[in-house]
PDB file of N, CA and C in Angstrom:
ATOM      1  N   MET A   1     123.677 105.275  85.398  1.00  0.00           N
ATOM      2  CA  MET A   1     122.669 104.417  84.942  1.00  0.00           C
ATOM      3  C   MET A   1     122.348 104.671  83.547  1.00  0.00           C
ATOM      4  N   ALA A   2     122.098 103.441  82.918  1.00  0.00           N
ATOM      5  CA  ALA A   2     121.793 103.252  81.458  1.00  0.00           C
ATOM      6  C   ALA A   2     120.381 103.905  81.196  1.00  0.00           C
ATOM      7  N   PRO A   3     119.988 104.754  80.276  1.00  0.00           N
ATOM      8  CA  PRO A   3     118.620 105.269  80.024  1.00  0.00           C
ATOM      9  C   PRO A   3     117.680 104.100  80.007  1.00  0.00           C
ATOM     10  N   ARG A   4     116.526 104.459  80.182  1.00  0.00           N
ATOM     11  CA  ARG A   4     115.548 103.498  80.189  1.00  0.00           C
ATOM     12  C   ARG A   4     115.199 103.134  78.799  1.00  0.00           C
ATOM     13  N   LYS A   5     114.885 101.911  78.444  1.00  0.00           N
ATOM     14  CA  LYS A   5     114.576 101.512  77.062  1.00  0.00           C
ATOM     15  C   LYS A   5     113.130 101.336  76.867  1.00  0.00           C
ATOM     16  N   LYS A   6     112.479 101.559  75.884  1.00  0.00           N
ATOM     17  CA  LYS A   6     111.058 101.388  75.701  1.00  0.00           C
ATOM     18  C   LYS A   6     110.892  99.913  75.295  1.00  0.00           C
ATOM     19  N   ILE A   7     109.862  99.164  75.982  1.00  0.00           N
ATOM     20  CA  ILE A   7     109.790  97.993  75.462  1.00  0.00           C
ATOM     21  C   ILE A   7     108.269  97.692  75.328  1.00  0.00           C
ATOM     22  N   LEU A   8     107.827  97.357  73.779  1.00  0.00           N
ATOM     23  CA  LEU A   8     106.533  97.387  73.546  1.00  0.00           C
ATOM     24  C   LEU A   8     106.116  95.727  73.649  1.00  0.00           C
ATOM     25  N   ILE A   9     105.075  95.459  74.623  1.00  0.00           N
ATOM     26  CA  ILE A   9     104.659  94.101  74.930  1.00  0.00           C
ATOM     27  C   ILE A   9     103.423  93.866  74.123  1.00  0.00           C
ATOM     28  N   VAL A  10     103.307  93.073  73.000  1.00  0.00           N
ATOM     29  CA  VAL A  10     102.378  92.935  72.272  1.00  0.00           C
ATOM     30  C   VAL A  10     101.676  91.262  72.762  1.00  0.00           C
ATOM     31  N   GLU A  11     100.900  91.413  73.692  1.00  0.00           N
ATOM     32  CA  GLU A  11     100.308  90.180  74.301  1.00  0.00           C
ATOM     33  C   GLU A  11      98.880  90.388  74.664  1.00  0.00           C
ATOM     34  N   ASP A  12      97.888  89.367  74.237  1.00  0.00           N
ATOM     35  CA  ASP A  12      96.593  89.368  74.480  1.00  0.00           C
ATOM     36  C   ASP A  12      96.289  88.687  75.847  1.00  0.00           C
ATOM     37  N   ASP A  13      97.081  88.272  76.621  1.00  0.00           N
ATOM     38  CA  ASP A  13      96.807  87.616  77.902  1.00  0.00           C
ATOM     39  C   ASP A  13      97.099  88.828  78.696  1.00  0.00           C
ATOM     40  N   LYS A  14      96.025  89.493  79.459  1.00  0.00           N
ATOM     41  CA  LYS A  14      96.311  90.577  80.250  1.00  0.00           C
ATOM     42  C   LYS A  14      97.187  90.052  81.519  1.00  0.00           C
ATOM     43  N   THR A  15      96.992  89.051  82.244  1.00  0.00           N
ATOM     44  CA  THR A  15      97.540  88.631  83.253  1.00  0.00           C
ATOM     45  C   THR A  15      99.028  88.497  82.967  1.00  0.00           C
ATOM     46  N   LEU A  16      99.373  87.754  81.959  1.00  0.00           N
ATOM     47  CA  LEU A  16     100.800  87.880  81.584  1.00  0.00           C
ATOM     48  C   LEU A  16     101.480  88.873  81.100  1.00  0.00           C
ATOM     49  N   GLN A  17     100.692  89.846  80.603  1.00  0.00           N
ATOM     50  CA  GLN A  17     101.103  91.125  79.951  1.00  0.00           C
ATOM     51  C   GLN A  17     101.468  91.882  81.469  1.00  0.00           C
ATOM     52  N   MET A  18     100.546  91.754  82.522  1.00  0.00           N
ATOM     53  CA  MET A  18     100.920  92.424  83.706  1.00  0.00           C
ATOM     54  C   MET A  18     102.232  92.156  84.379  1.00  0.00           C
ATOM     55  N   ILE A  19     102.468  90.728  84.448  1.00  0.00           N
ATOM     56  CA  ILE A  19     103.566  90.093  85.057  1.00  0.00           C
ATOM     57  C   ILE A  19     104.764  90.580  84.110  1.00  0.00           C
ATOM     58  N   LEU A  20     104.815  90.497  82.706  1.00  0.00           N
ATOM     59  CA  LEU A  20     105.920  91.053  82.065  1.00  0.00           C
ATOM     60  C   LEU A  20     106.109  92.363  82.335  1.00  0.00           C
ATOM     61  N   LYS A  21     105.401  93.281  82.127  1.00  0.00           N
ATOM     62  CA  LYS A  21     105.373  94.662  82.581  1.00  0.00           C
ATOM     63  C   LYS A  21     106.037  94.831  83.985  1.00  0.00           C
ATOM     64  N   ALA A  22     105.575  94.324  84.834  1.00  0.00           N
ATOM     65  CA  ALA A  22     106.279  94.268  86.236  1.00  0.00           C
ATOM     66  C   ALA A  22     107.741  94.092  86.147  1.00  0.00           C
ATOM     67  N   ALA A  23     108.032  92.830  85.609  1.00  0.00           N
ATOM     68  CA  ALA A  23     109.476  92.514  85.483  1.00  0.00           C
ATOM     69  C   ALA A  23     110.229  93.627  84.785  1.00  0.00           C
ATOM     70  N   PHE A  24     109.829  94.051  83.643  1.00  0.00           N
ATOM     71  CA  PHE A  24     110.683  94.924  83.064  1.00  0.00           C
ATOM     72  C   PHE A  24     110.884  96.218  83.347  1.00  0.00           C
ATOM     73  N   GLU A  25     109.508  96.812  84.241  1.00  0.00           N
ATOM     74  CA  GLU A  25     109.799  97.944  84.900  1.00  0.00           C
ATOM     75  C   GLU A  25     110.687  97.839  86.056  1.00  0.00           C
ATOM     76  N   LYS A  26     110.609  96.739  86.828  1.00  0.00           N
ATOM     77  CA  LYS A  26     111.655  96.500  87.980  1.00  0.00           C
ATOM     78  C   LYS A  26     113.044  96.455  87.431  1.00  0.00           C
ATOM     79  N   ALA A  27     113.186  96.153  86.024  1.00  0.00           N
ATOM     80  CA  ALA A  27     114.476  95.959  85.484  1.00  0.00           C
ATOM     81  C   ALA A  27     114.768  97.387  84.991  1.00  0.00           C
ATOM     82  N   GLY A  28     114.001  98.477  85.229  1.00  0.00           N
ATOM     83  CA  GLY A  28     114.280  99.726  84.746  1.00  0.00           C
ATOM     84  C   GLY A  28     113.809 100.366  83.305  1.00  0.00           C
ATOM     85  N   HIS A  29     113.027  99.617  82.865  1.00  0.00           N
ATOM     86  CA  HIS A  29     112.610  99.829  81.420  1.00  0.00           C
ATOM     87  C   HIS A  29     111.091 100.535  81.514  1.00  0.00           C
ATOM     88  N   GLN A  30     110.676 101.282  80.289  1.00  0.00           N
ATOM     89  CA  GLN A  30     109.437 101.721  80.293  1.00  0.00           C
ATOM     90  C   GLN A  30     108.759 100.666  79.477  1.00  0.00           C
ATOM     91  N   VAL A  31     107.417 100.361  79.796  1.00  0.00           N
ATOM     92  CA  VAL A  31     106.729  99.397  79.203  1.00  0.00           C
ATOM     93  C   VAL A  31     105.419 100.015  78.468  1.00  0.00           C
ATOM     94  N   ILE A  32     105.375  99.592  77.045  1.00  0.00           N
ATOM     95  CA  ILE A  32     104.129 100.207  76.337  1.00  0.00           C
ATOM     96  C   ILE A  32     103.289  98.938  76.175  1.00  0.00           C
ATOM     97  N   PRO A  33     102.109  98.594  76.537  1.00  0.00           N
ATOM     98  CA  PRO A  33     101.373  97.482  76.195  1.00  0.00           C
ATOM     99  C   PRO A  33     100.377  97.435  75.245  1.00  0.00           C
ATOM    100  N   ALA A  34     100.395  96.297  74.305  1.00  0.00           N
ATOM    101  CA  ALA A  34      99.265  96.392  73.450  1.00  0.00           C
ATOM    102  C   ALA A  34      98.717  94.991  73.510  1.00  0.00           C
ATOM    103  N   LEU A  35      97.264  94.977  73.273  1.00  0.00           N
ATOM    104  CA  LEU A  35      96.570  93.732  73.477  1.00  0.00           C
ATOM    105  C   LEU A  35      96.215  92.819  72.172  1.00  0.00           C
ATOM    106  N   ASP A  36      96.588  93.637  70.934  1.00  0.00           N
ATOM    107  CA  ASP A  36      96.519  92.734  69.792  1.00  0.00           C
ATOM    108  C   ASP A  36      97.291  93.138  68.785  1.00  0.00           C
ATOM    109  N   ALA A  37      97.474  92.542  67.534  1.00  0.00           N
ATOM    110  CA  ALA A  37      98.289  92.618  66.503  1.00  0.00           C
ATOM    111  C   ALA A  37      98.150  94.284  66.145  1.00  0.00           C
ATOM    112  N   MET A  38      97.040  94.622  65.823  1.00  0.00           N
ATOM    113  CA  MET A  38      96.756  95.803  65.140  1.00  0.00           C
ATOM    114  C   MET A  38      97.245  97.164  65.969  1.00  0.00           C
ATOM    115  N   GLN A  39      96.819  97.026  67.442  1.00  0.00           N
ATOM    116  CA  GLN A  39      97.372  97.951  68.340  1.00  0.00           C
ATOM    117  C   GLN A  39      98.803  97.918  68.400  1.00  0.00           C
ATOM    118  N   GLY A  40      99.374  96.574  68.472  1.00  0.00           N
ATOM    119  CA  GLY A  40     100.860  96.479  68.527  1.00  0.00           C
ATOM    120  C   GLY A  40     101.650  97.322  67.386  1.00  0.00           C
ATOM    121  N   LEU A  41     100.841  97.116  66.227  1.00  0.00           N
ATOM    122  CA  LEU A  41     101.644  97.877  65.080  1.00  0.00           C
ATOM    123  C   LEU A  41     101.649  99.349  65.159  1.00  0.00           C
ATOM    124  N   MET A  42     100.204  99.812  65.693  1.00  0.00           N
ATOM    125  CA  MET A  42     100.008 101.303  65.719  1.00  0.00           C
ATOM    126  C   MET A  42     100.911 101.854  66.734  1.00  0.00           C
ATOM    127  N   MET A  43     101.161 100.926  67.917  1.00  0.00           N
ATOM    128  CA  MET A  43     101.967 101.690  69.107  1.00  0.00           C
ATOM    129  C   MET A  43     103.513 101.581  68.659  1.00  0.00           C
ATOM    130  N   ALA A  44     103.971 100.508  67.875  1.00  0.00           N
ATOM    131  CA  ALA A  44     105.415 100.515  67.234  1.00  0.00           C
ATOM    132  C   ALA A  44     105.694 101.819  66.441  1.00  0.00           C
ATOM    133  N   LYS A  45     104.518 102.204  65.482  1.00  0.00           N
ATOM    134  CA  LYS A  45     104.805 103.330  64.918  1.00  0.00           C
ATOM    135  C   LYS A  45     104.929 104.527  65.555  1.00  0.00           C
ATOM    136  N   GLN A  46     104.173 104.787  66.523  1.00  0.00           N
ATOM    137  CA  GLN A  46     103.955 105.853  67.553  1.00  0.00           C
ATOM    138  C   GLN A  46     105.179 106.020  68.435  1.00  0.00           C
ATOM    139  N   VAL A  47     105.486 105.022  69.009  1.00  0.00           N
ATOM    140  CA  VAL A  47     106.545 105.149  70.190  1.00  0.00           C
ATOM    141  C   VAL A  47     107.881 104.846  69.975  1.00  0.00           C
ATOM    142  N   LYS A  48     108.200 104.246  68.705  1.00  0.00           N
ATOM    143  CA  LYS A  48     109.226 103.660  68.260  1.00  0.00           C
ATOM    144  C   LYS A  48     110.218 102.807  69.445  1.00  0.00           C
ATOM    145  N   PRO A  49     109.461 101.669  69.758  1.00  0.00           N
ATOM    146  CA  PRO A  49     110.207 100.962  70.863  1.00  0.00           C
ATOM    147  C   PRO A  49     111.728 100.353  70.606  1.00  0.00           C
ATOM    148  N   ASP A  50     112.400 100.301  71.689  1.00  0.00           N
ATOM    149  CA  ASP A  50     113.854  99.725  71.492  1.00  0.00           C
ATOM    150  C   ASP A  50     113.682  98.185  71.438  1.00  0.00           C
ATOM    151  N   LEU A  51     112.530  97.591  71.681  1.00  0.00           N
ATOM    152  CA  LEU A  51     112.487  96.188  71.749  1.00  0.00           C
ATOM    153  C   LEU A  51     110.832  95.857  71.716  1.00  0.00           C
ATOM    154  N   VAL A  52     110.554  94.814  70.913  1.00  0.00           N
ATOM    155  CA  VAL A  52     109.175  94.350  70.794  1.00  0.00           C
ATOM    156  C   VAL A  52     109.100  92.875  71.463  1.00  0.00           C
ATOM    157  N   VAL A  53     108.148  92.475  72.324  1.00  0.00           N
ATOM    158  CA  VAL A  53     108.001  91.563  72.814  1.00  0.00           C
ATOM    159  C   VAL A  53     106.747  90.845  72.328  1.00  0.00           C
ATOM    160  N   LEU A  54     106.658  89.886  71.432  1.00  0.00           N
ATOM    161  CA  LEU A  54     105.670  89.565  70.714  1.00  0.00           C
ATOM    162  C   LEU A  54     104.988  88.048  70.766  1.00  0.00           C
ATOM    163  N   ASP A  55     103.757  88.106  71.194  1.00  0.00           N
ATOM    164  CA  ASP A  55     103.062  86.640  71.235  1.00  0.00           C
ATOM    165  C   ASP A  55     102.641  86.367  69.738  1.00  0.00           C
ATOM    166  N   MET A  56     102.579  85.186  69.442  1.00  0.00           N
ATOM    167  CA  MET A  56     102.308  84.987  67.983  1.00  0.00           C
ATOM    168  C   MET A  56     100.644  84.531  68.045  1.00  0.00           C
ATOM    169  N   LEU A  57     100.067  84.183  69.147  1.00  0.00           N
ATOM    170  CA  LEU A  57      98.715  83.661  68.879  1.00  0.00           C
ATOM    171  C   LEU A  57      97.812  84.725  69.290  1.00  0.00           C
ATOM    172  N   MET A  58      97.303  85.509  68.611  1.00  0.00           N
ATOM    173  CA  MET A  58      96.383  86.702  69.314  1.00  0.00           C
ATOM    174  C   MET A  58      95.328  87.411  68.275  1.00  0.00           C
ATOM    175  N   PRO A  59      94.599  88.110  68.698  1.00  0.00           N
ATOM    176  CA  PRO A  59      93.617  88.659  67.594  1.00  0.00           C
ATOM    177  C   PRO A  59      93.938  89.815  66.674  1.00  0.00           C
ATOM    178  N   ALA A  60      93.309  90.108  65.940  1.00  0.00           N
ATOM    179  CA  ALA A  60      93.639  91.218  65.007  1.00  0.00           C
ATOM    180  C   ALA A  60      94.968  91.061  64.180  1.00  0.00           C
ATOM    181  N   GLY A  61      95.173  89.919  63.545  1.00  0.00           N
ATOM    182  CA  GLY A  61      96.326  89.546  62.767  1.00  0.00           C
ATOM    183  C   GLY A  61      97.314  88.612  63.315  1.00  0.00           C
ATOM    184  N   GLY A  62      97.525  88.467  64.226  1.00  0.00           N
ATOM    185  CA  GLY A  62      98.459  87.645  64.918  1.00  0.00           C
ATOM    186  C   GLY A  62      99.877  88.096  64.808  1.00  0.00           C
ATOM    187  N   GLY A  63     100.689  87.366  65.627  1.00  0.00           N
ATOM    188  CA  GLY A  63     102.096  87.817  65.735  1.00  0.00           C
ATOM    189  C   GLY A  63     102.955  87.709  64.363  1.00  0.00           C
ATOM    190  N   GLN A  64     102.869  86.751  63.822  1.00  0.00           N
ATOM    191  CA  GLN A  64     103.344  86.548  62.558  1.00  0.00           C
ATOM    192  C   GLN A  64     103.300  87.844  61.473  1.00  0.00           C
ATOM    193  N   SER A  65     102.008  88.395  61.415  1.00  0.00           N
ATOM    194  CA  SER A  65     101.770  89.452  60.546  1.00  0.00           C
ATOM    195  C   SER A  65     102.426  90.636  60.995  1.00  0.00           C
ATOM    196  N   VAL A  66     102.538  90.887  62.515  1.00  0.00           N
ATOM    197  CA  VAL A  66     103.114  92.044  63.309  1.00  0.00           C
ATOM    198  C   VAL A  66     104.606  91.794  63.000  1.00  0.00           C
ATOM    199  N   TYR A  67     105.357  90.607  63.071  1.00  0.00           N
ATOM    200  CA  TYR A  67     106.781  90.460  62.765  1.00  0.00           C
ATOM    201  C   TYR A  67     106.986  91.011  61.345  1.00  0.00           C
ATOM    202  N   GLU A  68     106.122  90.514  60.438  1.00  0.00           N
ATOM    203  CA  GLU A  68     106.499  90.686  59.044  1.00  0.00           C
ATOM    204  C   GLU A  68     106.404  92.281  58.871  1.00  0.00           C
ATOM    205  N   ARG A  69     105.350  92.929  59.414  1.00  0.00           N
ATOM    206  CA  ARG A  69     105.111  94.458  59.097  1.00  0.00           C
ATOM    207  C   ARG A  69     106.143  95.292  59.979  1.00  0.00           C
ATOM    208  N   LEU A  70     106.677  94.639  61.050  1.00  0.00           N
ATOM    209  CA  LEU A  70     107.733  95.511  61.718  1.00  0.00           C
ATOM    210  C   LEU A  70     108.887  95.541  60.666  1.00  0.00           C
ATOM    211  N   GLN A  71     109.293  94.270  60.119  1.00  0.00           N
ATOM    212  CA  GLN A  71     110.441  94.214  59.145  1.00  0.00           C
ATOM    213  C   GLN A  71     110.285  95.062  57.953  1.00  0.00           C
ATOM    214  N   MET A  72     109.148  95.359  57.686  1.00  0.00           N
ATOM    215  CA  MET A  72     108.876  96.323  56.359  1.00  0.00           C
ATOM    216  C   MET A  72     108.807  97.616  56.752  1.00  0.00           C
ATOM    217  N   MET A  73     108.497  98.017  57.890  1.00  0.00           N
ATOM    218  CA  MET A  73     108.308  99.445  58.432  1.00  0.00           C
ATOM    219  C   MET A  73     109.816 100.158  58.247  1.00  0.00           C
ATOM    220  N   THR A  74     109.712 101.270  57.685  1.00  0.00           N
ATOM    221  CA  THR A  74     111.136 102.089  57.524  1.00  0.00           C
ATOM    222  C   THR A  74     111.694 102.134  58.833  1.00  0.00           C
ATOM    223  N   GLY A  75     113.055 101.697  58.839  1.00  0.00           N
ATOM    224  CA  GLY A  75     113.707 101.941  59.971  1.00  0.00           C
ATOM    225  C   GLY A  75     113.693 100.831  61.120  1.00  0.00           C
ATOM    226  N   SER A  76     112.729  99.960  60.777  1.00  0.00           N
ATOM    227  CA  SER A  76     112.526  99.192  61.978  1.00  0.00           C
ATOM    228  C   SER A  76     113.242  97.796  61.927  1.00  0.00           C
ATOM    229  N   PHE A  77     114.018  97.637  60.948  1.00  0.00           N
ATOM    230  CA  PHE A  77     114.909  96.526  60.829  1.00  0.00           C
ATOM    231  C   PHE A  77     115.816  96.467  62.084  1.00  0.00           C
ATOM    232  N   GLN A  78     116.280  97.652  62.815  1.00  0.00           N
ATOM    233  CA  GLN A  78     116.820  97.561  63.814  1.00  0.00           C
ATOM    234  C   GLN A  78     116.325  97.330  65.266  1.00  0.00           C
ATOM    235  N   ILE A  79     114.890  97.364  65.120  1.00  0.00           N
ATOM    236  CA  ILE A  79     114.116  97.116  66.291  1.00  0.00           C
ATOM    237  C   ILE A  79     114.177  95.427  66.726  1.00  0.00           C
ATOM    238  N   PRO A  80     114.881  95.113  67.737  1.00  0.00           N
ATOM    239  CA  PRO A  80     114.929  93.739  68.196  1.00  0.00           C
ATOM    240  C   PRO A  80     113.716  93.208  68.643  1.00  0.00           C
ATOM    241  N   VAL A  81     113.258  91.847  68.275  1.00  0.00           N
ATOM    242  CA  VAL A  81     112.161  91.462  68.510  1.00  0.00           C
ATOM    243  C   VAL A  81     112.226  89.864  69.262  1.00  0.00           C
ATOM    244  N   LEU A  82     111.675  89.962  70.465  1.00  0.00           N
ATOM    245  CA  LEU A  82     111.503  88.786  71.256  1.00  0.00           C
ATOM    246  C   LEU A  82     110.289  88.004  71.279  1.00  0.00           C
ATOM    247  N   ILE A  83     110.204  86.768  70.529  1.00  0.00           N
ATOM    248  CA  ILE A  83     108.961  86.237  70.207  1.00  0.00           C
ATOM    249  C   ILE A  83     108.691  85.291  71.620  1.00  0.00           C
ATOM    250  N   TYR A  84     107.634  85.641  72.241  1.00  0.00           N
ATOM    251  CA  TYR A  84     107.372  84.791  73.547  1.00  0.00           C
ATOM    252  C   TYR A  84     106.017  84.174  73.179  1.00  0.00           C
ATOM    253  N   SER A  85     105.840  82.944  72.850  1.00  0.00           N
ATOM    254  CA  SER A  85     104.913  82.092  72.365  1.00  0.00           C
ATOM    255  C   SER A  85     104.683  80.798  72.900  1.00  0.00           C
ATOM    256  N   SER A  86     103.352  80.443  72.958  1.00  0.00           N
ATOM    257  CA  SER A  86     102.924  79.052  73.449  1.00  0.00           C
ATOM    258  C   SER A  86     103.178  78.053  72.261  1.00  0.00           C
ATOM    259  N   LEU A  87     103.395  78.544  71.053  1.00  0.00           N
ATOM    260  CA  LEU A  87     103.462  77.554  70.081  1.00  0.00           C
ATOM    261  C   LEU A  87     104.742  76.836  70.042  1.00  0.00           C
ATOM    262  N   PRO A  88     104.960  75.781  69.616  1.00  0.00           N
ATOM    263  CA  PRO A  88     106.369  74.810  69.675  1.00  0.00           C
ATOM    264  C   PRO A  88     107.387  75.678  68.864  1.00  0.00           C
ATOM    265  N   LEU A  89     108.525  75.701  69.583  1.00  0.00           N
ATOM    266  CA  LEU A  89     109.806  76.421  68.849  1.00  0.00           C
ATOM    267  C   LEU A  89     109.791  76.141  67.296  1.00  0.00           C
ATOM    268  N   ALA A  90     109.610  74.792  67.177  1.00  0.00           N
ATOM    269  CA  ALA A  90     109.953  74.316  65.767  1.00  0.00           C
ATOM    270  C   ALA A  90     108.993  74.994  64.913  1.00  0.00           C
ATOM    271  N   GLU A  91     107.705  75.250  65.278  1.00  0.00           N
ATOM    272  CA  GLU A  91     106.640  75.554  64.494  1.00  0.00           C
ATOM    273  C   GLU A  91     106.972  77.150  64.118  1.00  0.00           C
ATOM    274  N   VAL A  92     107.523  77.970  65.271  1.00  0.00           N
ATOM    275  CA  VAL A  92     107.730  79.478  64.872  1.00  0.00           C
ATOM    276  C   VAL A  92     109.001  79.437  63.951  1.00  0.00           C
ATOM    277  N   ALA A  93     109.939  78.455  64.240  1.00  0.00           N
ATOM    278  CA  ALA A  93     111.027  78.424  63.381  1.00  0.00           C
ATOM    279  C   ALA A  93     110.853  78.060  61.869  1.00  0.00           C
ATOM    280  N   LYS A  94     109.720  77.515  61.475  1.00  0.00           N
ATOM    281  CA  LYS A  94     109.329  77.570  60.081  1.00  0.00           C
ATOM    282  C   LYS A  94     109.243  78.947  59.419  1.00  0.00           C
ATOM    283  N   THR A  95     108.976  80.006  60.082  1.00  0.00           N
ATOM    284  CA  THR A  95     108.481  81.214  59.407  1.00  0.00           C
ATOM    285  C   THR A  95     109.381  82.371  59.930  1.00  0.00           C
ATOM    286  N   ILE A  96     110.099  82.155  60.953  1.00  0.00           N
ATOM    287  CA  ILE A  96     110.733  83.102  61.732  1.00  0.00           C
ATOM    288  C   ILE A  96     112.199  82.669  62.112  1.00  0.00           C
ATOM    289  N   SER A  97     113.315  83.092  61.719  1.00  0.00           N
ATOM    290  CA  SER A  97     114.453  82.716  62.121  1.00  0.00           C
ATOM    291  C   SER A  97     115.161  83.460  63.240  1.00  0.00           C
ATOM    292  N   GLU A  98     115.865  82.917  63.980  1.00  0.00           N
ATOM    293  CA  GLU A  98     116.571  83.548  65.164  1.00  0.00           C
ATOM    294  C   GLU A  98     117.827  84.117  64.416  1.00  0.00           C
ATOM    295  N   GLY A  99     118.178  85.375  65.400  1.00  0.00           N
ATOM    296  CA  GLY A  99     119.375  85.854  64.682  1.00  0.00           C
ATOM    297  C   GLY A  99     119.911  86.940  65.727  1.00  0.00           C
ATOM    298  N   PRO A 100     120.603  87.855  65.437  1.00  0.00           N
ATOM    299  CA  PRO A 100     121.113  88.946  66.364  1.00  0.00           C
ATOM    300  C   PRO A 100     119.850  89.860  66.829  1.00  0.00           C
ATOM    301  N   GLN A 101     119.069  89.997  66.000  1.00  0.00           N
ATOM    302  CA  GLN A 101     117.677  90.900  66.328  1.00  0.00           C
ATOM    303  C   GLN A 101     116.627  90.091  66.686  1.00  0.00           C
ATOM    304  N   THR A 102     116.653  88.675  66.727  1.00  0.00           N
ATOM    305  CA  THR A 102     115.492  88.112  66.865  1.00  0.00           C
ATOM    306  C   THR A 102     115.725  86.828  68.095  1.00  0.00           C
ATOM    307  N   LYS A 103     114.947  86.824  68.966  1.00  0.00           N
ATOM    308  CA  LYS A 103     114.975  85.666  69.800  1.00  0.00           C
ATOM    309  C   LYS A 103     113.775  84.908  70.110  1.00  0.00           C
ATOM    310  N   VAL A 104     113.486  83.634  70.001  1.00  0.00           N
ATOM    311  CA  VAL A 104     112.303  83.078  70.210  1.00  0.00           C
ATOM    312  C   VAL A 104     112.207  82.196  71.729  1.00  0.00           C
ATOM    313  N   LEU A 105     111.342  82.426  72.432  1.00  0.00           N
ATOM    314  CA  LEU A 105     111.230  81.778  73.791  1.00  0.00           C
ATOM    315  C   LEU A 105     109.881  81.224  73.644  1.00  0.00           C
ATOM    316  N   ASN A 106     109.904  80.110  74.539  1.00  0.00           N
ATOM    317  CA  ASN A 106     108.467  79.438  74.798  1.00  0.00           C
ATOM    318  C   ASN A 106     108.015  80.000  75.805  1.00  0.00           C
ATOM    319  N   LYS A 107     106.574  80.010  76.020  1.00  0.00           N
ATOM    320  CA  LYS A 107     106.019  80.790  77.350  1.00  0.00           C
ATOM    321  C   LYS A 107     106.216  79.867  78.544  1.00  0.00           C
ATOM    322  N   SER A 108     106.800  78.757  78.286  1.00  0.00           N
ATOM    323  CA  SER A 108     107.073  78.077  79.656  1.00  0.00           C
ATOM    324  C   SER A 108     108.437  78.335  80.197  1.00  0.00           C
ATOM    325  N   ALA A 109     109.076  79.310  79.657  1.00  0.00           N
ATOM    326  CA  ALA A 109     110.480  79.891  80.201  1.00  0.00           C
ATOM    327  C   ALA A 109     109.936  80.828  81.410  1.00  0.00           C
ATOM    328  N   PRO A 110     110.876  80.727  82.251  1.00  0.00           N
ATOM    329  CA  PRO A 110     110.741  81.697  83.457  1.00  0.00           C
ATOM    330  C   PRO A 110     110.689  83.054  82.918  1.00  0.00           C
ATOM    331  N   VAL A 111     109.931  83.867  83.726  1.00  0.00           N
ATOM    332  CA  VAL A 111     110.088  85.462  83.535  1.00  0.00           C
ATOM    333  C   VAL A 111     111.566  86.018  83.613  1.00  0.00           C
ATOM    334  N   ALA A 112     112.359  85.425  84.740  1.00  0.00           N
ATOM    335  CA  ALA A 112     113.603  86.122  84.619  1.00  0.00           C
ATOM    336  C   ALA A 112     114.438  85.496  83.221  1.00  0.00           C
ATOM    337  N   GLU A 113     114.226  84.706  82.744  1.00  0.00           N
ATOM    338  CA  GLU A 113     114.841  84.245  81.318  1.00  0.00           C
ATOM    339  C   GLU A 113     114.481  85.083  80.180  1.00  0.00           C
ATOM    340  N   VAL A 114     113.142  85.566  80.182  1.00  0.00           N
ATOM    341  CA  VAL A 114     112.520  86.467  79.344  1.00  0.00           C
ATOM    342  C   VAL A 114     113.355  87.867  79.554  1.00  0.00           C
ATOM    343  N   VAL A 115     113.301  88.467  80.554  1.00  0.00           N
ATOM    344  CA  VAL A 115     114.093  89.430  80.993  1.00  0.00           C
ATOM    345  C   VAL A 115     115.439  89.342  80.529  1.00  0.00           C
ATOM    346  N   ALA A 116     116.091  88.529  80.630  1.00  0.00           N
ATOM    347  CA  ALA A 116     117.651  88.088  80.453  1.00  0.00           C
ATOM    348  C   ALA A 116     117.684  88.264  78.783  1.00  0.00           C
ATOM    349  N   ALA A 117     116.813  87.569  78.071  1.00  0.00           N
ATOM    350  CA  ALA A 117     117.030  87.501  76.624  1.00  0.00           C
ATOM    351  C   ALA A 117     116.787  89.035  76.203  1.00  0.00           C
ATOM    352  N   ALA A 118     115.521  89.735  76.724  1.00  0.00           N
ATOM    353  CA  ALA A 118     115.402  91.007  76.263  1.00  0.00           C
ATOM    354  C   ALA A 118     116.817  91.919  76.466  1.00  0.00           C
ATOM    355  N   GLU A 119     117.288  91.685  77.737  1.00  0.00           N
ATOM    356  CA  GLU A 119     118.623  92.360  77.914  1.00  0.00           C
ATOM    357  C   GLU A 119     119.721  92.204  76.932  1.00  0.00           C
ATOM    358  N   ALA A 120     119.658  90.998  76.660  1.00  0.00           N
ATOM    359  CA  ALA A 120     120.772  90.373  75.532  1.00  0.00           C
ATOM    360  C   ALA A 120     120.389  91.240  74.238  1.00  0.00           C
ATOM    361  N   LEU A 121     119.230  91.178  73.747  1.00  0.00           N
ATOM    362  CA  LEU A 121     118.739  91.791  72.622  1.00  0.00           C
ATOM    363  C   LEU A 121     118.935  93.449  72.635  1.00  0.00           C
ATOM    364  N   LEU A 122     118.767  93.888  73.787  1.00  0.00           N
ATOM    365  CA  LEU A 122     119.016  95.194  74.035  1.00  0.00           C
ATOM    366  C   LEU A 122     120.313  95.721  73.894  1.00  0.00           C
ATOM    367  N   GLY A 123     121.304  94.757  73.903  1.00  0.00           N
ATOM    368  CA  GLY A 123     122.833  95.065  74.001  1.00  0.00           C
ATOM    369  C   GLY A 123     123.232  95.057  75.649  1.00  0.00           C
ATOM    370  N   GLY A 124     122.501  94.488  76.488  1.00  0.00           N
ATOM    371  CA  GLY A 124     123.013  94.529  77.896  1.00  0.00           C
ATOM    372  C   GLY A 124     122.846  95.800  78.587  1.00  0.00           C
ATOM    373  N   ALA A 125     121.912  96.605  77.984  1.00  0.00           N
ATOM    374  CA  ALA A 125     121.567  97.810  78.500  1.00  0.00           C
ATOM    375  C   ALA A 125     120.873  97.655  79.970  1.00  0.00           C
TER     376      ALA A 125
END
């Protein structure tokens, strides 16, 4: 069995965070929750996650600032980021480009699709 991956979920909606946490734990991953941008950045520095699931609209800085700071942090360029936002995808695409390390999903996507996208970013682990 593959080693458990650490997934940092930066999401201010506690209900959604619990749903995602349960889904990722069921898939065999360790989940670290953060309720706002500042807490998310602190946790990213402390736990060095294998993946960050990031909401764009939240208190204490918002997802855009978290994404930008993650890109600037030493060694974090290899941390994949799954943007999971209620913003229209075209709006997110204005400032964040999808690539091998970044995937953008709308919050209307089913949880199974979120887990599948995360697995793909983790390299199918």
